[in-house]
C-alpha atoms as a PDB file:
ATOM      1  CA  MET A   1     -15.569 -11.969  11.369  1.00  0.00           C
ATOM      2  CA  THR A   2     -17.926 -11.889   8.453  1.00  0.00           C
ATOM      3  CA  ARG A   3     -16.307 -10.592   4.965  1.00  0.00           C
ATOM      4  CA  GLN A   4     -18.636  -8.077   5.081  1.00  0.00           C
ATOM      5  CA  SER A   5     -17.821  -6.867   8.443  1.00  0.00           C
ATOM      6  CA  ALA A   6     -14.139  -6.318   7.269  1.00  0.00           C
ATOM      7  CA  GLU A   7     -15.064  -5.207   4.268  1.00  0.00           C
ATOM      8  CA  LYS A   8     -16.706  -2.068   6.417  1.00  0.00           C
ATOM      9  CA  ASN A   9     -13.795  -2.061   8.844  1.00  0.00           C
ATOM     10  CA  LYS A  10     -11.385  -1.427   6.088  1.00  0.00           C
ATOM     11  CA  ILE A  11     -13.315   1.051   5.113  1.00  0.00           C
ATOM     12  CA  ASN A  12     -14.050   2.881   8.171  1.00  0.00           C
ATOM     13  CA  LYS A  13     -10.927   4.908   7.769  1.00  0.00           C
ATOM     14  CA  PRO A  14     -10.913   8.566   6.586  1.00  0.00           C
ATOM     15  CA  ALA A  15     -12.067  10.080   3.382  1.00  0.00           C
ATOM     16  CA  LEU A  16      -9.610  12.959   1.500  1.00  0.00           C
ATOM     17  CA  PHE A  17     -11.209  16.184   0.453  1.00  0.00           C
ATOM     18  CA  LYS A  18      -8.426  18.092  -1.544  1.00  0.00           C
ATOM     19  CA  GLY A  19      -5.573  16.932   1.043  1.00  0.00           C
ATOM     20  CA  GLN A  20      -7.602  17.131   3.875  1.00  0.00           C
ATOM     21  CA  LYS A  21      -9.142  14.272   6.466  1.00  0.00           C
ATOM     22  CA  ILE A  22     -12.692  13.539   6.537  1.00  0.00           C
ATOM     23  CA  ARG A  23     -13.345  10.773   9.738  1.00  0.00           C
ATOM     24  CA  ARG A  24     -16.565   8.818   8.365  1.00  0.00           C
ATOM     25  CA  ILE A  25     -18.127   5.264   9.687  1.00  0.00           C
ATOM     26  CA  ILE A  26     -21.160   3.508   9.013  1.00  0.00           C
ATOM     27  CA  PHE A  27     -23.849   4.132  10.752  1.00  0.00           C
ATOM     28  CA  LYS A  28     -27.613   2.195   9.820  1.00  0.00           C
ATOM     29  CA  GLU A  29     -26.402   1.523   6.514  1.00  0.00           C
ATOM     30  CA  GLU A  30     -24.961   4.273   5.283  1.00  0.00           C
ATOM     31  CA  TRP A  31     -22.192   7.229   5.744  1.00  0.00           C
ATOM     32  CA  TRP A  32     -22.413   9.294   8.500  1.00  0.00           C
ATOM     33  CA  PHE A  33     -18.942  12.278   8.724  1.00  0.00           C
ATOM     34  CA  SER A  34     -17.516  13.942  11.769  1.00  0.00           C
ATOM     35  CA  VAL A  35     -18.713  17.179  11.672  1.00  0.00           C
ATOM     36  CA  VAL A  36     -16.073  18.797  13.230  1.00  0.00           C
ATOM     37  CA  ASP A  37     -13.736  17.469  10.468  1.00  0.00           C
ATOM     38  CA  VAL A  38     -15.919  18.856   8.113  1.00  0.00           C
ATOM     39  CA  CYS A  39     -15.978  22.442   9.924  1.00  0.00           C
ATOM     40  CA  GLY A  40     -12.571  22.429   9.876  1.00  0.00           C
ATOM     41  CA  VAL A  41     -12.357  21.944   6.084  1.00  0.00           C
ATOM     42  CA  LEU A  42     -14.944  24.664   5.275  1.00  0.00           C
ATOM     43  CA  ALA A  43     -13.976  27.240   8.116  1.00  0.00           C
ATOM     44  CA  GLU A  44     -10.359  27.107   7.479  1.00  0.00           C
ATOM     45  CA  SER A  45      -9.510  30.092   7.376  1.00  0.00           C
ATOM     46  CA  ILE A  46     -10.843  31.128  11.036  1.00  0.00           C
ATOM     47  CA  SER A  47      -8.686  31.841  14.504  1.00  0.00           C
ATOM     48  CA  LEU A  48     -10.828  28.957  16.224  1.00  0.00           C
ATOM     49  CA  ASP A  49     -10.184  25.849  15.762  1.00  0.00           C
ATOM     50  CA  SER A  50     -12.400  23.620  14.214  1.00  0.00           C
ATOM     51  CA  GLY A  51     -13.959  22.061  17.473  1.00  0.00           C
ATOM     52  CA  ALA A  52     -14.228  25.577  18.715  1.00  0.00           C
ATOM     53  CA  TYR A  53     -16.004  26.583  15.869  1.00  0.00           C
ATOM     54  CA  TRP A  54     -18.528  23.226  15.609  1.00  0.00           C
ATOM     55  CA  ARG A  55     -19.691  24.135  19.351  1.00  0.00           C
ATOM     56  CA  LYS A  56     -20.332  27.445  18.767  1.00  0.00           C
ATOM     57  CA  LEU A  57     -21.840  27.289  15.550  1.00  0.00           C
ATOM     58  CA  LYS A  58     -23.966  24.660  17.426  1.00  0.00           C
ATOM     59  CA  GLN A  59     -24.834  26.698  20.061  1.00  0.00           C
ATOM     60  CA  ARG A  60     -26.229  29.302  17.773  1.00  0.00           C
ATOM     61  CA  LEU A  61     -28.108  26.733  15.686  1.00  0.00           C
ATOM     62  CA  LEU A  62     -29.909  26.116  18.900  1.00  0.00           C
ATOM     63  CA  ALA A  63     -30.840  29.189  20.102  1.00  0.00           C
ATOM     64  CA  GLU A  64     -32.314  29.671  16.449  1.00  0.00           C
ATOM     65  CA  SER A  65     -34.480  26.470  17.412  1.00  0.00           C
ATOM     66  CA  SER A  66     -32.506  25.145  13.921  1.00  0.00           C
ATOM     67  CA  GLU A  67     -33.297  21.488  13.620  1.00  0.00           C
ATOM     68  CA  VAL A  68     -29.552  20.646  11.586  1.00  0.00           C
ATOM     69  CA  VAL A  69     -28.210  19.902  14.922  1.00  0.00           C
ATOM     70  CA  THR A  70     -31.172  17.280  15.235  1.00  0.00           C
ATOM     71  CA  PHE A  71     -29.279  15.595  12.402  1.00  0.00           C
ATOM     72  CA  CYS A  72     -26.381  15.109  14.171  1.00  0.00           C
ATOM     73  CA  HIS A  73     -25.554  11.866  16.195  1.00  0.00           C
ATOM     74  CA  GLU A  74     -23.073  10.856  19.171  1.00  0.00           C
ATOM     75  CA  LEU A  75     -20.510   8.435  17.237  1.00  0.00           C
ATOM     76  CA  LYS A  76     -17.221   6.528  18.194  1.00  0.00           C
ATOM     77  CA  LEU A  77     -14.380   7.661  16.121  1.00  0.00           C
ATOM     78  CA  GLU A  78     -10.529   7.630  16.291  1.00  0.00           C
ATOM     79  CA  ALA A  79      -8.939  10.546  17.103  1.00  0.00           C
ATOM     80  CA  ALA A  80      -4.877  12.166  16.267  1.00  0.00           C
ATOM     81  CA  ASP A  81      -3.929   9.772  19.550  1.00  0.00           C
ATOM     82  CA  GLY A  82      -5.147   6.503  18.311  1.00  0.00           C
ATOM     83  CA  LYS A  83      -8.094   6.270  21.013  1.00  0.00           C
ATOM     84  CA  LYS A  84     -11.742   6.872  19.956  1.00  0.00           C
ATOM     85  CA  TYR A  85     -13.691   8.884  21.262  1.00  0.00           C
ATOM     86  CA  GLU A  86     -17.458   9.927  20.911  1.00  0.00           C
ATOM     87  CA  THR A  87     -17.391  12.324  18.015  1.00  0.00           C
ATOM     88  CA  ASP A  88     -21.058  14.756  16.654  1.00  0.00           C
ATOM     89  CA  CYS A  89     -21.599  13.211  13.152  1.00  0.00           C
ATOM     90  CA  ALA A  90     -23.926  13.502  10.698  1.00  0.00           C
ATOM     91  CA  ASN A  91     -25.236  11.694   7.812  1.00  0.00           C
ATOM     92  CA  THR A  92     -24.593  13.469   3.929  1.00  0.00           C
ATOM     93  CA  GLU A  93     -28.024  14.625   4.281  1.00  0.00           C
ATOM     94  CA  GLY A  94     -27.184  16.332   7.305  1.00  0.00           C
ATOM     95  CA  ILE A  95     -23.853  17.597   6.625  1.00  0.00           C
ATOM     96  CA  PHE A  96     -26.231  19.478   3.638  1.00  0.00           C
ATOM     97  CA  ARG A  97     -27.534  20.858   5.839  1.00  0.00           C
ATOM     98  CA  ILE A  98     -24.749  21.942   8.146  1.00  0.00           C
ATOM     99  CA  ILE A  99     -22.536  22.917   4.950  1.00  0.00           C
ATOM    100  CA  GLN A 100     -25.398  26.298   4.844  1.00  0.00           C
ATOM    101  CA  SER A 101     -25.014  27.487   7.676  1.00  0.00           C
ATOM    102  CA  ILE A 102     -20.826  27.903   6.962  1.00  0.00           C
ATOM    103  CA  PRO A 103     -20.113  30.491   4.930  1.00  0.00           C
ATOM    104  CA  SER A 104     -16.674  28.625   2.798  1.00  0.00           C
ATOM    105  CA  PRO A 105     -15.764  29.464  -1.098  1.00  0.00           C
ATOM    106  CA  LYS A 106     -15.517  25.554  -0.800  1.00  0.00           C
ATOM    107  CA  ALA A 107     -19.114  24.880   0.188  1.00  0.00           C
ATOM    108  CA  GLU A 108     -20.127  23.778  -2.997  1.00  0.00           C
ATOM    109  CA  PRO A 109     -17.108  21.415  -4.195  1.00  0.00           C
ATOM    110  CA  PHE A 110     -17.528  20.215  -1.090  1.00  0.00           C
ATOM    111  CA  LYS A 111     -21.090  19.244  -1.724  1.00  0.00           C
ATOM    112  CA  ARG A 112     -20.035  17.637  -5.261  1.00  0.00           C
ATOM    113  CA  TRP A 113     -17.233  15.618  -3.264  1.00  0.00           C
ATOM    114  CA  LEU A 114     -19.796  14.781  -0.573  1.00  0.00           C
ATOM    115  CA  ALA A 115     -22.511  13.492  -3.280  1.00  0.00           C
ATOM    116  CA  ARG A 116     -19.817  10.794  -5.066  1.00  0.00           C
ATOM    117  CA  VAL A 117     -18.637   9.546  -1.616  1.00  0.00           C
ATOM    118  CA  GLY A 118     -21.531   9.005  -0.019  1.00  0.00           C
ATOM    119  CA  TYR A 119     -23.447   6.432  -1.613  1.00  0.00           C
ATOM    120  CA  GLU A 120     -21.650   4.764  -3.830  1.00  0.00           C
ATOM    121  CA  ARG A 121     -19.397   2.887  -1.766  1.00  0.00           C
ATOM    122  CA  VAL A 122     -22.084   2.207   0.766  1.00  0.00           C
ATOM    123  CA  LYS A 123     -23.818   0.263  -2.235  1.00  0.00           C
ATOM    124  CA  GLU A 124     -20.067  -1.440  -2.728  1.00  0.00           C
ATOM    125  CA  ILE A 125     -20.460  -2.866   0.877  1.00  0.00           C
ATOM    126  CA  GLU A 126     -23.882  -3.974  -0.164  1.00  0.00           C
ATOM    127  CA  ASP A 127     -23.540  -5.429  -3.367  1.00  0.00           C
ATOM    128  CA  PRO A 128     -19.163  -6.163  -3.420  1.00  0.00           C
ATOM    129  CA  GLU A 129     -19.979  -6.938  -7.310  1.00  0.00           C
ATOM    130  CA  LEU A 130     -20.354  -3.206  -7.601  1.00  0.00           C
ATOM    131  CA  ALA A 131     -16.527  -2.695  -6.157  1.00  0.00           C
ATOM    132  CA  THR A 132     -14.977  -5.072  -9.061  1.00  0.00           C
ATOM    133  CA  LYS A 133     -17.130  -3.353 -12.054  1.00  0.00           C
ATOM    134  CA  ARG A 134     -15.796   0.078 -10.325  1.00  0.00           C
ATOM    135  CA  THR A 135     -12.114  -1.077 -10.504  1.00  0.00           C
ATOM    136  CA  ARG A 136     -12.825  -2.483 -14.027  1.00  0.00           C
ATOM    137  CA  ALA A 137     -14.155  -0.029 -14.758  1.00  0.00           C
ATOM    138  CA  LEU A 138     -10.933   2.541 -13.544  1.00  0.00           C
ATOM    139  CA  TYR A 139      -8.232   0.059 -15.342  1.00  0.00           C
ATOM    140  CA  LYS A 140     -10.400   0.596 -18.611  1.00  0.00           C
ATOM    141  CA  LEU A 141     -10.298   4.218 -18.696  1.00  0.00           C
ATOM    142  CA  LYS A 142      -6.358   4.471 -17.928  1.00  0.00           C
ATOM    143  CA  GLY A 143      -5.835   2.467 -20.941  1.00  0.00           C
ATOM    144  CA  TYR A 144      -5.463  -1.395 -20.000  1.00  0.00           C
ATOM    145  CA  SER A 145      -6.526  -3.985 -22.323  1.00  0.00           C
ATOM    146  CA  ASP A 146      -9.767  -6.674 -21.374  1.00  0.00           C
ATOM    147  CA  SER A 147      -7.289  -9.578 -21.266  1.00  0.00           C
ATOM    148  CA  TRP A 148      -5.279  -8.015 -18.986  1.00  0.00           C
ATOM    149  CA  ILE A 149      -7.813  -6.177 -16.598  1.00  0.00           C
ATOM    150  CA  GLU A 150      -9.051  -9.595 -16.328  1.00  0.00           C
ATOM    151  CA  LYS A 151      -5.091 -11.468 -14.887  1.00  0.00           C
ATOM    152  CA  ARG A 152      -5.244  -8.226 -13.278  1.00  0.00           C
ATOM    153  CA  MET A 153      -9.125  -9.066 -10.996  1.00  0.00           C
ATOM    154  CA  ARG A 154      -7.969 -12.578 -11.080  1.00  0.00           C
ATOM    155  CA  GLY A 155      -5.057 -11.323  -9.405  1.00  0.00           C
ATOM    156  CA  ILE A 156      -6.672  -9.184  -6.563  1.00  0.00           C
ATOM    157  CA  ALA A 157      -8.893 -11.966  -5.654  1.00  0.00           C
ATOM    158  CA  ILE A 158      -6.358 -14.337  -5.433  1.00  0.00           C
ATOM    159  CA  ARG A 159      -4.426 -11.647  -3.027  1.00  0.00           C
ATOM    160  CA  GLU A 160      -7.109 -10.888  -0.996  1.00  0.00           C
ATOM    161  CA  GLU A 161      -7.153 -14.622   0.130  1.00  0.00           C
ATOM    162  CA  LEU A 162      -4.065 -14.927   0.879  1.00  0.00           C
ATOM    163  CA  THR A 163      -3.481 -11.851   3.101  1.00  0.00           C
ATOM    164  CA  ASP A 164      -7.069 -13.338   4.436  1.00  0.00           C
ATOM    165  CA  GLU A 165      -4.873 -16.803   5.603  1.00  0.00           C
ATOM    166  CA  TRP A 166      -2.295 -14.469   6.809  1.00  0.00           C
ATOM    167  CA  LYS A 167      -4.556 -12.916   9.092  1.00  0.00           C
ATOM    168  CA  ASN A 168      -6.207 -16.177  10.347  1.00  0.00           C
ATOM    169  CA  ARG A 169      -2.893 -18.081  10.929  1.00  0.00           C
ATOM    170  CA  GLY A 170      -0.732 -15.062  12.743  1.00  0.00           C
ATOM    171  CA  ALA A 171       0.245 -12.509  10.843  1.00  0.00           C
ATOM    172  CA  ARG A 172      -0.015  -9.750  13.212  1.00  0.00           C
ATOM    173  CA  ASP A 173       0.683  -6.475  10.991  1.00  0.00           C
ATOM    174  CA  LYS A 174       1.907  -4.494   8.104  1.00  0.00           C
ATOM    175  CA  THR A 175       5.378  -5.480   8.489  1.00  0.00           C
ATOM    176  CA  ASP A 176       4.455  -8.873   8.926  1.00  0.00           C
ATOM    177  CA  TYR A 177       2.802  -9.009   5.810  1.00  0.00           C
ATOM    178  CA  GLU A 178       5.729  -7.177   3.692  1.00  0.00           C
ATOM    179  CA  ILE A 179       8.249  -9.761   5.007  1.00  0.00           C
ATOM    180  CA  LEU A 180       5.837 -12.578   2.998  1.00  0.00           C
ATOM    181  CA  THR A 181       5.497 -10.628   0.224  1.00  0.00           C
ATOM    182  CA  ALA A 182       8.655 -10.212  -0.197  1.00  0.00           C
ATOM    183  CA  GLU A 183       9.707 -14.196   0.317  1.00  0.00           C
ATOM    184  CA  ILE A 184       7.077 -15.644  -2.547  1.00  0.00           C
ATOM    185  CA  SER A 185       8.793 -12.215  -4.373  1.00  0.00           C
ATOM    186  CA  LYS A 186      12.597 -13.304  -4.284  1.00  0.00           C
ATOM    187  CA  ALA A 187      11.367 -17.386  -4.665  1.00  0.00           C
ATOM    188  CA  THR A 188       9.621 -16.645  -7.904  1.00  0.00           C
ATOM    189  CA  PHE A 189      11.463 -13.699  -9.269  1.00  0.00           C
ATOM    190  CA  GLY A 190      14.637 -13.319  -7.424  1.00  0.00           C
ATOM    191  CA  LEU A 191      14.071  -9.938  -7.041  1.00  0.00           C
ATOM    192  CA  THR A 192      11.764  -8.552  -3.845  1.00  0.00           C
ATOM    193  CA  PRO A 193       8.540  -6.058  -4.507  1.00  0.00           C
ATOM    194  CA  ILE A 194      11.031  -2.891  -4.265  1.00  0.00           C
ATOM    195  CA  GLN A 195      13.975  -4.362  -6.041  1.00  0.00           C
ATOM    196  CA  TYR A 196      11.413  -5.095  -8.925  1.00  0.00           C
ATOM    197  CA  LYS A 197      10.249  -1.957  -8.675  1.00  0.00           C
ATOM    198  CA  LYS A 198      13.607  -0.284  -9.636  1.00  0.00           C
ATOM    199  CA  VAL A 199      13.850  -2.910 -12.624  1.00  0.00           C
ATOM    200  CA  LYS A 200      10.711  -1.093 -13.927  1.00  0.00           C
ATOM    201  CA  GLY A 201      11.548   2.320 -12.987  1.00  0.00           C
ATOM    202  CA  LEU A 202       8.780   3.142 -10.468  1.00  0.00           C
ATOM    203  CA  ALA A 203       8.207   4.948  -7.068  1.00  0.00           C
ATOM    204  CA  LYS A 204       5.212   4.506  -5.566  1.00  0.00           C
ATOM    205  CA  GLU A 205       3.257   3.004  -8.035  1.00  0.00           C
ATOM    206  CA  ASN A 206       1.509  -0.746  -7.418  1.00  0.00           C
ATOM    207  CA  LEU A 207       3.722  -2.618  -9.372  1.00  0.00           C
ATOM    208  CA  ARG A 208       1.268  -5.488 -10.487  1.00  0.00           C
ATOM    209  CA  ASP A 209       0.021  -2.513 -12.323  1.00  0.00           C
ATOM    210  CA  HIS A 210       2.941  -2.225 -14.546  1.00  0.00           C
ATOM    211  CA  MET A 211       3.004  -6.632 -15.343  1.00  0.00           C
ATOM    212  CA  ASP A 212       2.752  -7.708 -18.285  1.00  0.00           C
ATOM    213  CA  ASP A 213       0.833 -11.141 -19.240  1.00  0.00           C
ATOM    214  CA  LEU A 214       3.983 -13.545 -17.735  1.00  0.00           C
ATOM    215  CA  GLU A 215       4.530 -11.212 -14.852  1.00  0.00           C
ATOM    216  CA  LEU A 216       1.032 -11.915 -13.349  1.00  0.00           C
ATOM    217  CA  ILE A 217       0.796 -14.920 -14.320  1.00  0.00           C
ATOM    218  CA  PHE A 218       3.821 -16.111 -12.324  1.00  0.00           C
ATOM    219  CA  ASN A 219       2.533 -13.312  -9.586  1.00  0.00           C
ATOM    220  CA  MET A 220      -0.803 -15.382  -9.296  1.00  0.00           C
ATOM    221  CA  LEU A 221       0.862 -18.823  -9.123  1.00  0.00           C
ATOM    222  CA  GLY A 222       3.311 -17.778  -6.184  1.00  0.00           C
ATOM    223  CA  GLU A 223       0.468 -16.362  -4.428  1.00  0.00           C
ATOM    224  CA  ARG A 224      -1.915 -19.550  -5.079  1.00  0.00           C
ATOM    225  CA  ALA A 225       0.787 -22.041  -4.756  1.00  0.00           C
ATOM    226  CA  THR A 226       1.725 -20.675  -1.247  1.00  0.00           C
ATOM    227  CA  THR A 227      -2.683 -19.701  -0.015  1.00  0.00           C
ATOM    228  CA  GLU A 228      -2.830 -23.606  -0.514  1.00  0.00           C
ATOM    229  CA  ILE A 229      -0.196 -24.695   1.434  1.00  0.00           C
ATOM    230  CA  HIS A 230      -0.577 -23.247   4.846  1.00  0.00           C
ATOM    231  CA  ARG A 231      -4.436 -25.450   3.849  1.00  0.00           C
ATOM    232  CA  VAL A 232      -3.014 -27.917   3.493  1.00  0.00           C
ATOM    233  CA  GLU A 233      -0.611 -27.562   6.039  1.00  0.00           C
ATOM    234  CA  ASP A 234      -3.020 -26.084   8.327  1.00  0.00           C
ATOM    235  CA  SER A 235       0.273 -23.515   9.070  1.00  0.00           C
ATOM    236  CA  GLN A 236      -0.028 -21.617  12.123  1.00  0.00           C
ATOM    237  CA  GLY A 237       2.268 -18.587  13.340  1.00  0.00           C
ATOM    238  CA  PHE A 238       4.883 -16.184  11.639  1.00  0.00           C
ATOM    239  CA  SER A 239       7.271 -18.327  11.146  1.00  0.00           C
ATOM    240  CA  LYS A 240       5.111 -21.128   9.025  1.00  0.00           C
ATOM    241  CA  LEU A 241       3.949 -18.745   6.693  1.00  0.00           C
ATOM    242  CA  ARG A 242       7.344 -17.240   5.610  1.00  0.00           C
ATOM    243  CA  SER A 243       8.627 -20.733   5.170  1.00  0.00           C
ATOM    244  CA  ASP A 244       5.205 -21.714   3.023  1.00  0.00           C
ATOM    245  CA  SER A 245       5.627 -18.318   1.309  1.00  0.00           C
ATOM    246  CA  LYS A 246       9.075 -19.447   0.099  1.00  0.00           C
ATOM    247  CA  ALA A 247       7.816 -22.761  -0.317  1.00  0.00           C
ATOM    248  CA  GLY A 248       5.099 -21.258  -2.884  1.00  0.00           C
ATOM    249  CA  GLY A 249       7.376 -19.277  -4.219  1.00  0.00           C
ATOM    250  CA  ASP A 250      10.264 -21.738  -5.142  1.00  0.00           C
ATOM    251  CA  ILE A 251       7.016 -23.433  -7.282  1.00  0.00           C
ATOM    252  CA  ALA A 252       6.231 -20.261  -8.846  1.00  0.00           C
ATOM    253  CA  GLY A 253      10.254 -20.192  -9.458  1.00  0.00           C
ATOM    254  CA  GLN A 254      10.480 -22.757 -11.386  1.00  0.00           C
ATOM    255  CA  ALA A 255       7.800 -22.873 -13.622  1.00  0.00           C
ATOM    256  CA  ARG A 256       9.059 -19.178 -14.611  1.00  0.00           C
ATOM    257  CA  LYS A 257      13.025 -20.693 -14.959  1.00  0.00           C
ATOM    258  CA  ASN A 258      11.712 -23.521 -17.158  1.00  0.00           C
ATOM    259  CA  LEU A 259       9.330 -21.113 -19.451  1.00  0.00           C
ATOM    260  CA  GLU A 260      12.389 -19.083 -19.886  1.00  0.00           C
ATOM    261  CA  ARG A 261      15.052 -21.582 -20.921  1.00  0.00           C
ATOM    262  CA  ARG A 262      12.262 -22.333 -23.848  1.00  0.00           C
ATOM    263  CA  LEU A 263      11.960 -18.874 -24.083  1.00  0.00           C
ATOM    264  CA  ARG A 264      15.006 -17.529 -24.455  1.00  0.00           C
ATOM    265  CA  ARG A 265      14.238 -14.766 -22.670  1.00  0.00           C
ATOM    266  CA  SER A 266      13.665 -13.735 -19.283  1.00  0.00           C
ATOM    267  CA  VAL A 267       9.938 -13.238 -18.165  1.00  0.00           C
ATOM    268  CA  ILE A 268      11.298 -10.131 -15.977  1.00  0.00           C
ATOM    269  CA  ASN A 269      11.159  -6.976 -17.675  1.00  0.00           C
ATOM    270  CA  LYS A 270      11.776  -3.062 -17.639  1.00  0.00           C
ATOM    271  CA  GLU A 271       8.599  -1.995 -19.739  1.00  0.00           C
ATOM    272  CA  ASN A 272       6.028  -0.268 -17.328  1.00  0.00           C
ATOM    273  CA  PHE A 273       2.760   0.963 -17.788  1.00  0.00           C
ATOM    274  CA  LEU A 274       3.773   4.818 -17.908  1.00  0.00           C
ATOM    275  CA  THR A 275       6.579   3.905 -20.396  1.00  0.00           C
ATOM    276  CA  ASN A 276       4.919   1.906 -23.077  1.00  0.00           C
ATOM    277  CA  PRO A 277       0.943   1.274 -22.646  1.00  0.00           C
ATOM    278  CA  ALA A 278       0.594  -0.354 -26.046  1.00  0.00           C
ATOM    279  CA  ASN A 279       3.735  -2.789 -26.858  1.00  0.00           C
ATOM    280  CA  LYS A 280       5.263  -4.972 -23.981  1.00  0.00           C
ATOM    281  CA  LEU A 281       1.908  -4.515 -22.386  1.00  0.00           C
ATOM    282  CA  GLY A 282      -0.659  -5.620 -24.364  1.00  0.00           C
ATOM    283  CA  LEU A 283      -2.634  -2.154 -24.273  1.00  0.00           C
ATOM    284  CA  SER A 284      -3.556  -1.232 -27.575  1.00  0.00           C
END
């Protein structure tokens, strides 16, 4: 599978409008959205379920010889039971047309939401650099320094290379990835990611977004070393990936300990971006 195809599969997941899921899929290089899901969001106060509402609306539009229905195309989307079924979908233009037929106070905010998500992400698939630029801009808006952002972006790239190796070499699911990540973290820092988050007083936040320069650097070293070990030894299967992950983390962990002896302090610290945005993280 090409990286572009992998990215498409990765983002072909429901988008959220005020907490409600809108299923979507890339078709003909543009977003197509589930009409039933849109009806469910805009007509949530009706007594009929969203599927029944769309069927009645569709019948009325056909009776009126409306061209709106011609904007729909049946595409396979995943349902609640995990299986994929043919589902009426419409592209951004088609959804805008359908919205006009549904009286709802949510119509205008939904249009703004649709304009925001409907085009930008497709262009990011065609040019991944746009996604990178958007991520950089988001960190900048949050107040992170340019030097920190550079390290964070490099860390993201290193992480993606590592997870690609895991996927191709036998890691099966989310649990496998969590175990392998924990092995690297324990060997690098003496802490699992969950334990590390407790040290920093974090809950659901992304741990790496709250690491300072040195923490990011040693984290990158552990993950990059693991990737190289996988490649050199052509590792296959979860058991080997796990031992490699510990080995990669050990390399970073030893380097961390060497530096700590010289600095006479721990690299691991309790600071996080939420409580100290301009000190330890260098975010002034």
